[in-house]
Amino acid sequence: MIDEREIALGDGRRLHAYAEGDASARLTVVWHHGSPQTGALLEPLLHPARAREVRLISYARPAYGGSTPVAGRDVASAAADVAAVADAYGAEHFAVMGASGGAPHALACGALLPGRVVGVACFAGIAPYDGTEAWFAGMHNPAGLRAALLGREARLAHARTVQFDEASFTSRDWAALEGPWSALGRDAGAAGQAGPDGLVDDDVAFTRPWGFQLAEVPVPVLLVQGGEDRVVPPAHASAQVASLPAGELWLRPRDGHVSVLLAVPVAFDWLLDSRP
């Protein structure tokens, strides 16, 4: 049964959070959702977690899924929020897993919660912006991130007029969304109907200093990347693994941005095997 709750923070904010499983699980994993998502725990995550006796926790980042917005938040701020969520559920030690826009926030926890985070798994995660045009190379439609470079108002204006470009996803992505990961598409639709603020704040944070360096992530990190990803191209994973002290890259040559999530069950196994 999913334990859904509102978590009150010391600064007056609230985070909407979810958990399934208990402290007797083999491992607790905190999931970092993509952009945009509501933060709800989806069946393609719950099924492999249950099969492996993994406790799964998730939360909606600020401005998503009922969580209080935070103006000007950076990627690093996710660490304190996750610590509060983990405390609320009684989880002292845990791994983190994130996909797409959630992946940088998972890395933030790996860097900034020493002694608590035991491993990190990231799917199709964007690399820190390096100030070069090459960072955008291979992105089918980087207009949103280009607008984010100009500031929040420019990114918000873009969000008010843009329509999703279906060519950003490959045929394998669409097959995943029509099949085992159909819940992801429904959840993204629900998040989009609630407004663009979470997505806008994510994109602005990605194009600003993250608040930590990848070299500061001491724990094992698994990067899972689709070779045909048109949203976050493979070069981003290559750049990250080169900077991570204990990074490992799994390239799935035929996968795109969504179909790479078919490797979630194997990533749970990797996190279980990587425990201290």
Protein backbone atom coordinates (compact mmCIF):
# COMPACT_ATOMS: atom_id res chain seq x y z
CA MET A 1 0.00 0.00 0.00
CA ILE A 2 1.32 3.44 -0.92
CA ASP A 3 1.85 5.84 2.00
CA GLU A 4 1.06 9.29 0.57
CA ARG A 5 1.62 12.33 2.74
CA GLU A 6 2.36 16.05 2.92
CA ILE A 7 5.67 16.80 4.62
CA ALA A 8 6.01 20.16 6.37
CA LEU A 9 9.44 21.76 6.22
CA GLY A 10 10.98 24.22 8.64
CA ASP A 11 10.76 27.10 6.16
CA GLY A 12 7.00 26.77 5.83
CA ARG A 13 7.05 24.80 2.57
CA ARG A 14 5.35 21.48 2.00
CA LEU A 15 6.44 18.52 -0.09
CA HIS A 16 4.06 15.91 -1.47
CA ALA A 17 5.62 12.49 -0.99
CA TYR A 18 4.93 8.80 -1.54
CA ALA A 19 6.39 5.55 -0.21
CA GLU A 20 5.78 1.83 -0.53
CA GLY A 21 7.56 -0.77 1.58
CA ASP A 22 9.03 -0.64 5.07
CA ALA A 23 12.28 -0.46 6.97
CA SER A 24 12.81 -4.23 6.69
CA ALA A 25 13.38 -3.93 2.93
CA ARG A 26 16.73 -4.95 1.46
CA LEU A 27 17.26 -1.37 0.24
CA THR A 28 15.42 1.95 0.21
CA VAL A 29 15.53 3.87 -3.07
CA VAL A 30 14.40 7.49 -3.46
CA TRP A 31 13.07 8.13 -6.96
CA HIS A 32 13.59 11.51 -8.67
CA HIS A 33 10.93 12.07 -11.30
CA GLY A 34 11.42 13.55 -14.76
CA SER A 35 10.29 16.90 -16.11
CA PRO A 36 7.32 17.25 -16.01
CA GLN A 37 5.91 14.59 -13.66
CA THR A 38 3.78 14.67 -10.52
CA GLY A 39 6.14 12.65 -8.32
CA ALA A 40 3.65 9.80 -7.93
CA LEU A 41 5.04 6.26 -7.78
CA LEU A 42 4.33 4.56 -11.11
CA GLU A 43 3.69 0.86 -11.64
CA PRO A 44 6.79 0.33 -13.88
CA LEU A 45 8.83 1.33 -10.82
CA LEU A 46 6.74 -0.39 -8.18
CA HIS A 47 6.63 -3.80 -9.84
CA PRO A 48 10.42 -4.39 -10.03
CA ALA A 49 10.89 -2.81 -6.60
CA ARG A 50 8.41 -5.22 -5.02
CA ALA A 51 10.01 -8.18 -6.76
CA ARG A 52 13.39 -7.25 -5.22
CA GLU A 53 12.12 -6.28 -1.75
CA VAL A 54 13.12 -2.66 -2.35
CA ARG A 55 11.38 0.12 -0.45
CA LEU A 56 10.53 2.94 -2.85
CA ILE A 57 10.11 6.60 -1.90
CA SER A 58 9.30 9.52 -4.18
CA TYR A 59 8.38 13.17 -3.83
CA ALA A 60 7.26 16.01 -6.05
CA ARG A 61 9.95 18.64 -6.55
CA PRO A 62 8.91 22.23 -5.77
CA ALA A 63 6.07 23.45 -8.04
CA TYR A 64 5.19 19.87 -9.06
CA GLY A 65 2.40 17.68 -7.74
CA GLY A 66 1.28 19.97 -4.94
CA SER A 67 4.72 20.78 -3.53
CA THR A 68 5.37 24.43 -2.67
CA PRO A 69 7.22 26.35 -5.42
CA VAL A 70 10.68 27.76 -4.69
CA ALA A 71 11.75 30.77 -6.72
CA GLY A 72 15.27 30.45 -8.10
CA ARG A 73 15.94 26.96 -6.77
CA ASP A 74 19.12 25.24 -7.90
CA VAL A 75 19.80 21.56 -8.46
CA ALA A 76 21.64 21.24 -5.14
CA SER A 77 18.54 22.26 -3.17
CA ALA A 78 17.05 18.84 -3.83
CA ALA A 79 19.42 17.28 -1.29
CA ALA A 80 17.91 19.04 1.72
CA ASP A 81 14.40 18.25 0.51
CA VAL A 82 15.24 14.57 0.07
CA ALA A 83 16.80 14.46 3.52
CA ALA A 84 13.56 15.80 4.97
CA VAL A 85 11.47 13.28 3.03
CA ALA A 86 13.74 10.41 4.05
CA ASP A 87 13.57 11.52 7.69
CA ALA A 88 9.77 11.61 7.53
CA TYR A 89 9.73 7.99 6.39
CA GLY A 90 12.44 6.89 8.82
CA ALA A 91 15.05 6.12 6.15
CA GLU A 92 18.58 6.84 7.37
CA HIS A 93 20.47 5.24 4.47
CA PHE A 94 19.18 4.96 0.91
CA ALA A 95 20.08 4.91 -2.75
CA VAL A 96 18.72 7.41 -5.27
CA MET A 97 17.49 6.90 -8.81
CA GLY A 98 16.44 9.58 -11.29
CA ALA A 99 15.35 9.86 -14.89
CA SER A 100 15.74 12.76 -17.31
CA GLY A 101 15.17 15.96 -15.28
CA GLY A 102 15.35 13.93 -12.08
CA ALA A 103 18.86 12.63 -12.75
CA PRO A 104 20.78 15.83 -11.84
CA HIS A 105 18.80 16.02 -8.59
CA ALA A 106 19.73 12.43 -7.79
CA LEU A 107 23.38 13.34 -8.31
CA ALA A 108 22.95 16.28 -5.94
CA CYS A 109 21.94 13.86 -3.21
CA GLY A 110 24.97 11.70 -3.93
CA ALA A 111 27.24 14.71 -3.52
CA LEU A 112 25.57 16.51 -0.63
CA LEU A 113 24.23 13.75 1.63
CA PRO A 114 27.46 11.97 2.61
CA GLY A 115 26.97 8.96 4.80
CA ARG A 116 23.30 8.63 3.83
CA VAL A 117 23.28 7.97 0.07
CA VAL A 118 24.85 4.61 -0.80
CA GLY A 119 24.51 4.68 -4.60
CA VAL A 120 23.06 6.62 -7.53
CA ALA A 121 21.41 5.45 -10.77
CA CYS A 122 20.56 7.94 -13.53
CA PHE A 123 18.65 7.49 -16.77
CA ALA A 124 19.05 9.92 -19.68
CA GLY A 125 20.36 12.66 -17.40
CA ILE A 126 21.49 16.03 -18.67
CA ALA A 127 25.07 17.17 -17.94
CA PRO A 128 25.96 20.49 -16.28
CA TYR A 129 25.85 23.35 -18.78
CA ASP A 130 29.40 24.12 -19.90
CA GLY A 131 28.75 27.37 -21.75
CA THR A 132 29.42 25.92 -25.20
CA GLU A 133 27.24 25.35 -28.24
CA ALA A 134 28.34 21.72 -28.20
CA TRP A 135 26.16 21.16 -25.11
CA PHE A 136 23.08 21.45 -27.35
CA ALA A 137 24.44 19.19 -30.12
CA GLY A 138 22.17 16.23 -30.82
CA MET A 139 19.11 17.70 -29.09
CA HIS A 140 16.18 17.56 -31.50
CA ASN A 141 14.53 20.66 -30.04
CA PRO A 142 16.64 22.59 -27.50
CA ALA A 143 14.52 25.75 -27.67
CA GLY A 144 13.32 25.43 -24.08
CA LEU A 145 16.83 25.16 -22.68
CA ARG A 146 17.99 28.05 -24.88
CA ALA A 147 15.16 30.15 -23.47
CA ALA A 148 16.16 29.11 -19.94
CA LEU A 149 19.60 30.63 -20.52
CA LEU A 150 17.85 34.00 -20.85
CA GLY A 151 16.14 33.64 -17.47
CA ARG A 152 12.93 32.41 -15.91
CA GLU A 153 10.62 34.89 -17.62
CA ALA A 154 11.94 33.95 -21.05
CA ARG A 155 11.55 30.25 -20.28
CA LEU A 156 8.04 30.82 -18.95
CA ALA A 157 7.07 32.76 -22.07
CA HIS A 158 8.35 29.89 -24.20
CA ALA A 159 6.34 27.38 -22.15
CA ARG A 160 3.13 29.33 -22.75
CA THR A 161 3.34 28.95 -26.52
CA VAL A 162 5.31 25.78 -27.28
CA GLN A 163 3.79 22.46 -28.33
CA PHE A 164 5.59 19.18 -27.70
CA ASP A 165 7.53 18.06 -30.75
CA GLU A 166 6.65 14.39 -31.19
CA ALA A 167 9.82 13.82 -33.23
CA SER A 168 11.80 14.26 -30.01
CA PHE A 169 10.89 10.66 -29.22
CA THR A 170 11.96 7.65 -31.28
CA SER A 171 9.69 4.81 -32.38
CA ARG A 172 11.02 2.76 -29.44
CA ASP A 173 10.10 5.60 -27.09
CA TRP A 174 6.54 5.68 -28.38
CA ALA A 175 6.31 1.90 -28.10
CA ALA A 176 7.37 2.13 -24.44
CA LEU A 177 4.78 4.86 -23.80
CA GLU A 178 2.08 2.77 -25.43
CA GLY A 179 3.15 -0.33 -23.50
CA PRO A 180 5.02 -0.89 -20.22
CA TRP A 181 5.61 2.81 -19.50
CA SER A 182 2.15 4.08 -20.41
CA ALA A 183 1.76 5.37 -16.85
CA LEU A 184 4.60 7.81 -17.51
CA GLY A 185 2.72 9.48 -20.34
CA ARG A 186 -0.46 9.80 -18.29
CA ASP A 187 1.47 11.23 -15.36
CA ALA A 188 3.30 13.74 -17.56
CA GLY A 189 -0.05 14.86 -18.93
CA ALA A 190 -1.39 15.40 -15.42
CA ALA A 191 1.72 17.41 -14.48
CA GLY A 192 1.43 19.52 -17.62
CA GLN A 193 -2.21 20.35 -16.93
CA ALA A 194 -1.20 21.72 -13.52
CA GLY A 195 1.01 24.37 -15.17
CA PRO A 196 4.58 24.83 -16.43
CA ASP A 197 6.27 26.20 -13.31
CA GLY A 198 8.07 23.02 -12.22
CA LEU A 199 9.41 22.35 -15.72
CA VAL A 200 10.47 25.98 -16.13
CA ASP A 201 12.30 25.97 -12.79
CA ASP A 202 14.02 22.69 -13.67
CA ASP A 203 15.29 24.01 -17.01
CA VAL A 204 16.56 27.25 -15.51
CA ALA A 205 18.36 25.29 -12.79
CA PHE A 206 20.00 23.03 -15.38
CA THR A 207 21.50 26.00 -17.22
CA ARG A 208 22.85 27.64 -14.05
CA PRO A 209 25.58 26.41 -11.67
CA TRP A 210 24.20 23.30 -9.99
CA GLY A 211 25.62 24.05 -6.54
CA PHE A 212 28.01 21.09 -6.51
CA GLN A 213 30.57 19.42 -8.78
CA LEU A 214 30.27 15.92 -10.21
CA ALA A 215 33.71 15.21 -8.77
CA GLU A 216 32.12 15.61 -5.31
CA VAL A 217 29.94 12.49 -5.73
CA PRO A 218 31.94 9.79 -3.92
CA VAL A 219 29.50 6.88 -4.15
CA PRO A 220 29.02 4.49 -7.10
CA VAL A 221 27.00 6.08 -9.92
CA LEU A 222 25.36 4.22 -12.79
CA LEU A 223 24.52 6.25 -15.90
CA VAL A 224 22.09 4.52 -18.27
CA GLN A 225 21.91 6.23 -21.65
CA GLY A 226 20.08 5.58 -24.90
CA GLY A 227 22.27 5.82 -27.97
CA GLU A 228 19.39 7.29 -30.01
CA ASP A 229 18.17 9.76 -27.37
CA ARG A 230 17.01 12.95 -29.11
CA VAL A 231 16.23 14.85 -25.90
CA VAL A 232 19.47 14.31 -23.94
CA PRO A 233 22.12 13.08 -26.38
CA PRO A 234 24.70 10.43 -25.45
CA ALA A 235 27.50 13.00 -25.20
CA HIS A 236 25.97 14.20 -21.93
CA ALA A 237 26.45 10.81 -20.32
CA SER A 238 30.00 10.57 -21.63
CA ALA A 239 30.84 13.97 -20.16
CA GLN A 240 29.41 13.03 -16.78
CA VAL A 241 31.10 9.65 -16.43
CA ALA A 242 34.44 11.32 -17.14
CA SER A 243 33.97 13.57 -14.08
CA LEU A 244 32.51 11.08 -11.62
CA PRO A 245 35.00 9.37 -9.28
CA ALA A 246 33.04 6.08 -9.29
CA GLY A 247 30.93 6.36 -12.43
CA GLU A 248 29.84 3.58 -14.77
CA LEU A 249 28.13 4.11 -18.12
CA TRP A 250 25.69 1.65 -19.65
CA LEU A 251 25.00 2.68 -23.23
CA ARG A 252 21.91 1.08 -24.78
CA PRO A 253 22.56 1.86 -28.45
CA ARG A 254 19.03 1.47 -29.81
CA ASP A 255 17.13 3.18 -26.98
CA GLY A 256 15.77 6.70 -26.88
CA HIS A 257 14.79 8.99 -24.04
CA VAL A 258 11.90 6.88 -22.72
CA SER A 259 12.69 3.35 -23.87
CA VAL A 260 15.93 3.46 -21.86
CA LEU A 261 13.68 3.13 -18.79
CA LEU A 262 13.13 -0.50 -19.71
CA ALA A 263 16.46 -1.02 -17.90
CA VAL A 264 15.00 0.10 -14.53
CA PRO A 265 14.81 -3.47 -13.15
CA VAL A 266 18.48 -4.07 -13.94
CA ALA A 267 19.39 -0.74 -12.33
CA PHE A 268 17.69 -1.88 -9.12
CA ASP A 269 19.89 -4.98 -9.23
CA TRP A 270 22.97 -2.79 -9.75
CA LEU A 271 22.09 -0.66 -6.73
CA LEU A 272 21.57 -3.76 -4.59
CA ASP A 273 24.94 -5.15 -5.70
CA SER A 274 26.70 -1.81 -5.09
CA ARG A 275 25.70 -1.47 -1.43
CA PRO A 276 28.61 -1.11 0.99
